[in-house]
Amino acid sequence: GVPDRVNDEVFIAMSKALNFINPDELSMQCILIALNRFLQ
């Protein structure tokens, strides 16, 4: 599997990118939850 640290870094990078692209926090959280489940 992928090391947790790498997953965390990717997750944080995606969080920042999505936050920059889409300021709607609720939508961002839904996307991140989906991405997090996908990565796991």
PDB file of N, CA and C in Angstrom:
ATOM      1  N   GLY A   1       0.815  -1.204   0.000  1.00  0.00           N
ATOM      2  CA  GLY A   1       0.000   0.000   0.000  1.00  0.00           C
ATOM      3  C   GLY A   1       0.851   1.257   0.000  1.00  0.00           C
ATOM      4  N   VAL A   2       0.184   2.383  -0.018  1.00  0.00           N
ATOM      5  CA  VAL A   2       0.877   3.674  -0.006  1.00  0.00           C
ATOM      6  C   VAL A   2       1.118   4.086   1.442  1.00  0.00           C
ATOM      7  N   PRO A   3       2.318   4.566   1.764  1.00  0.00           N
ATOM      8  CA  PRO A   3       2.587   5.017   3.137  1.00  0.00           C
ATOM      9  C   PRO A   3       1.609   6.104   3.567  1.00  0.00           C
ATOM     10  N   ASP A   4       1.243   6.096   4.853  1.00  0.00           N
ATOM     11  CA  ASP A   4       0.278   7.073   5.361  1.00  0.00           C
ATOM     12  C   ASP A   4       0.751   8.503   5.130  1.00  0.00           C
ATOM     13  N   ARG A   5       2.050   8.738   5.270  1.00  0.00           N
ATOM     14  CA  ARG A   5       2.570  10.097   5.132  1.00  0.00           C
ATOM     15  C   ARG A   5       2.328  10.622   3.719  1.00  0.00           C
ATOM     16  N   VAL A   6       2.509   9.734   2.733  1.00  0.00           N
ATOM     17  CA  VAL A   6       2.276  10.141   1.342  1.00  0.00           C
ATOM     18  C   VAL A   6       0.796  10.439   1.135  1.00  0.00           C
ATOM     19  N   ASN A   7      -0.071   9.582   1.656  1.00  0.00           N
ATOM     20  CA  ASN A   7      -1.509   9.826   1.552  1.00  0.00           C
ATOM     21  C   ASN A   7      -1.873  11.157   2.181  1.00  0.00           C
ATOM     22  N   ASP A   8      -1.308  11.440   3.359  1.00  0.00           N
ATOM     23  CA  ASP A   8      -1.602  12.697   4.045  1.00  0.00           C
ATOM     24  C   ASP A   8      -1.158  13.886   3.209  1.00  0.00           C
ATOM     25  N   GLU A   9       0.022  13.804   2.624  1.00  0.00           N
ATOM     26  CA  GLU A   9       0.531  14.921   1.817  1.00  0.00           C
ATOM     27  C   GLU A   9      -0.343  15.148   0.594  1.00  0.00           C
ATOM     28  N   VAL A  10      -0.744  14.065  -0.060  1.00  0.00           N
ATOM     29  CA  VAL A  10      -1.626  14.183  -1.224  1.00  0.00           C
ATOM     30  C   VAL A  10      -2.971  14.765  -0.806  1.00  0.00           C
ATOM     31  N   PHE A  11      -3.485  14.282   0.317  1.00  0.00           N
ATOM     32  CA  PHE A  11      -4.780  14.745   0.818  1.00  0.00           C
ATOM     33  C   PHE A  11      -4.739  16.240   1.124  1.00  0.00           C
ATOM     34  N   ILE A  12      -3.657  16.683   1.788  1.00  0.00           N
ATOM     35  CA  ILE A  12      -3.509  18.101   2.124  1.00  0.00           C
ATOM     36  C   ILE A  12      -3.381  18.937   0.853  1.00  0.00           C
ATOM     37  N   ALA A  13      -2.596  18.448  -0.096  1.00  0.00           N
ATOM     38  CA  ALA A  13      -2.430  19.176  -1.355  1.00  0.00           C
ATOM     39  C   ALA A  13      -3.766  19.301  -2.084  1.00  0.00           C
ATOM     40  N   MET A  14      -4.539  18.221  -2.112  1.00  0.00           N
ATOM     41  CA  MET A  14      -5.849  18.259  -2.752  1.00  0.00           C
ATOM     42  C   MET A  14      -6.778  19.203  -2.005  1.00  0.00           C
ATOM     43  N   SER A  15      -6.701  19.184  -0.676  1.00  0.00           N
ATOM     44  CA  SER A  15      -7.533  20.079   0.129  1.00  0.00           C
ATOM     45  C   SER A  15      -7.267  21.527  -0.238  1.00  0.00           C
ATOM     46  N   LYS A  16      -5.983  21.878  -0.317  1.00  0.00           N
ATOM     47  CA  LYS A  16      -5.608  23.257  -0.649  1.00  0.00           C
ATOM     48  C   LYS A  16      -6.052  23.613  -2.063  1.00  0.00           C
ATOM     49  N   ALA A  17      -5.843  22.689  -3.002  1.00  0.00           N
ATOM     50  CA  ALA A  17      -6.215  22.955  -4.389  1.00  0.00           C
ATOM     51  C   ALA A  17      -7.729  23.134  -4.519  1.00  0.00           C
ATOM     52  N   LEU A  18      -8.484  22.248  -3.883  1.00  0.00           N
ATOM     53  CA  LEU A  18      -9.936  22.336  -3.966  1.00  0.00           C
ATOM     54  C   LEU A  18     -10.446  23.582  -3.257  1.00  0.00           C
ATOM     55  N   ASN A  19      -9.803  23.947  -2.148  1.00  0.00           N
ATOM     56  CA  ASN A  19     -10.210  25.145  -1.418  1.00  0.00           C
ATOM     57  C   ASN A  19      -9.966  26.385  -2.270  1.00  0.00           C
ATOM     58  N   PHE A  20      -8.883  26.360  -3.041  1.00  0.00           N
ATOM     59  CA  PHE A  20      -8.558  27.499  -3.908  1.00  0.00           C
ATOM     60  C   PHE A  20      -9.531  27.579  -5.087  1.00  0.00           C
ATOM     61  N   ILE A  21      -9.851  26.418  -5.653  1.00  0.00           N
ATOM     62  CA  ILE A  21     -10.720  26.372  -6.830  1.00  0.00           C
ATOM     63  C   ILE A  21     -12.173  26.612  -6.432  1.00  0.00           C
ATOM     64  N   ASN A  22     -12.605  25.963  -5.352  1.00  0.00           N
ATOM     65  CA  ASN A  22     -14.006  26.029  -4.940  1.00  0.00           C
ATOM     66  C   ASN A  22     -14.099  26.488  -3.494  1.00  0.00           C
ATOM     67  N   PRO A  23     -14.424  27.751  -3.255  1.00  0.00           N
ATOM     68  CA  PRO A  23     -14.471  28.288  -1.895  1.00  0.00           C
ATOM     69  C   PRO A  23     -15.657  27.769  -1.087  1.00  0.00           C
ATOM     70  N   ASP A  24     -16.543  27.032  -1.724  1.00  0.00           N
ATOM     71  CA  ASP A  24     -17.698  26.488  -1.006  1.00  0.00           C
ATOM     72  C   ASP A  24     -17.241  25.347  -0.108  1.00  0.00           C
ATOM     73  N   GLU A  25     -17.180  25.624   1.181  1.00  0.00           N
ATOM     74  CA  GLU A  25     -16.586  24.669   2.120  1.00  0.00           C
ATOM     75  C   GLU A  25     -17.352  23.350   2.174  1.00  0.00           C
ATOM     76  N   LEU A  26     -18.661  23.424   2.138  1.00  0.00           N
ATOM     77  CA  LEU A  26     -19.461  22.207   2.242  1.00  0.00           C
ATOM     78  C   LEU A  26     -19.190  21.278   1.060  1.00  0.00           C
ATOM     79  N   SER A  27     -19.162  21.843  -0.147  1.00  0.00           N
ATOM     80  CA  SER A  27     -18.882  21.037  -1.332  1.00  0.00           C
ATOM     81  C   SER A  27     -17.485  20.443  -1.255  1.00  0.00           C
ATOM     82  N   MET A  28     -16.529  21.252  -0.792  1.00  0.00           N
ATOM     83  CA  MET A  28     -15.147  20.791  -0.669  1.00  0.00           C
ATOM     84  C   MET A  28     -15.077  19.604   0.288  1.00  0.00           C
ATOM     85  N   GLN A  29     -15.772  19.703   1.416  1.00  0.00           N
ATOM     86  CA  GLN A  29     -15.734  18.624   2.401  1.00  0.00           C
ATOM     87  C   GLN A  29     -16.300  17.336   1.813  1.00  0.00           C
ATOM     88  N   CYS A  30     -17.373  17.439   1.066  1.00  0.00           N
ATOM     89  CA  CYS A  30     -17.957  16.246   0.438  1.00  0.00           C
ATOM     90  C   CYS A  30     -16.970  15.609  -0.531  1.00  0.00           C
ATOM     91  N   ILE A  31     -16.300  16.443  -1.328  1.00  0.00           N
ATOM     92  CA  ILE A  31     -15.319  15.931  -2.288  1.00  0.00           C
ATOM     93  C   ILE A  31     -14.166  15.266  -1.553  1.00  0.00           C
ATOM     94  N   LEU A  32     -13.682  15.905  -0.487  1.00  0.00           N
ATOM     95  CA  LEU A  32     -12.542  15.362   0.246  1.00  0.00           C
ATOM     96  C   LEU A  32     -12.898  14.045   0.930  1.00  0.00           C
ATOM     97  N   ILE A  33     -14.106  13.948   1.449  1.00  0.00           N
ATOM     98  CA  ILE A  33     -14.533  12.692   2.074  1.00  0.00           C
ATOM     99  C   ILE A  33     -14.538  11.575   1.029  1.00  0.00           C
ATOM    100  N   ALA A  34     -15.042  11.881  -0.157  1.00  0.00           N
ATOM    101  CA  ALA A  34     -15.063  10.885  -1.228  1.00  0.00           C
ATOM    102  C   ALA A  34     -13.643  10.488  -1.625  1.00  0.00           C
ATOM    103  N   LEU A  35     -12.759  11.485  -1.750  1.00  0.00           N
ATOM    104  CA  LEU A  35     -11.370  11.201  -2.113  1.00  0.00           C
ATOM    105  C   LEU A  35     -10.686  10.381  -1.028  1.00  0.00           C
ATOM    106  N   ASN A  36     -10.942  10.727   0.227  1.00  0.00           N
ATOM    107  CA  ASN A  36     -10.324  10.016   1.339  1.00  0.00           C
ATOM    108  C   ASN A  36     -10.744   8.551   1.330  1.00  0.00           C
ATOM    109  N   ARG A  37     -12.018   8.284   1.102  1.00  0.00           N
ATOM    110  CA  ARG A  37     -12.512   6.901   1.036  1.00  0.00           C
ATOM    111  C   ARG A  37     -11.893   6.170  -0.145  1.00  0.00           C
ATOM    112  N   PHE A  38     -11.729   6.893  -1.255  1.00  0.00           N
ATOM    113  CA  PHE A  38     -11.131   6.284  -2.447  1.00  0.00           C
ATOM    114  C   PHE A  38      -9.674   5.905  -2.186  1.00  0.00           C
ATOM    115  N   LEU A  39      -8.933   6.783  -1.512  1.00  0.00           N
ATOM    116  CA  LEU A  39      -7.522   6.515  -1.228  1.00  0.00           C
ATOM    117  C   LEU A  39      -7.369   5.347  -0.255  1.00  0.00           C
ATOM    118  N   GLN A  40      -8.316   5.193   0.641  1.00  0.00           N
ATOM    119  CA  GLN A  40      -8.222   4.104   1.609  1.00  0.00           C
ATOM    120  C   GLN A  40      -8.721   2.809   0.985  1.00  0.00           C
TER     121      GLN A  40
END
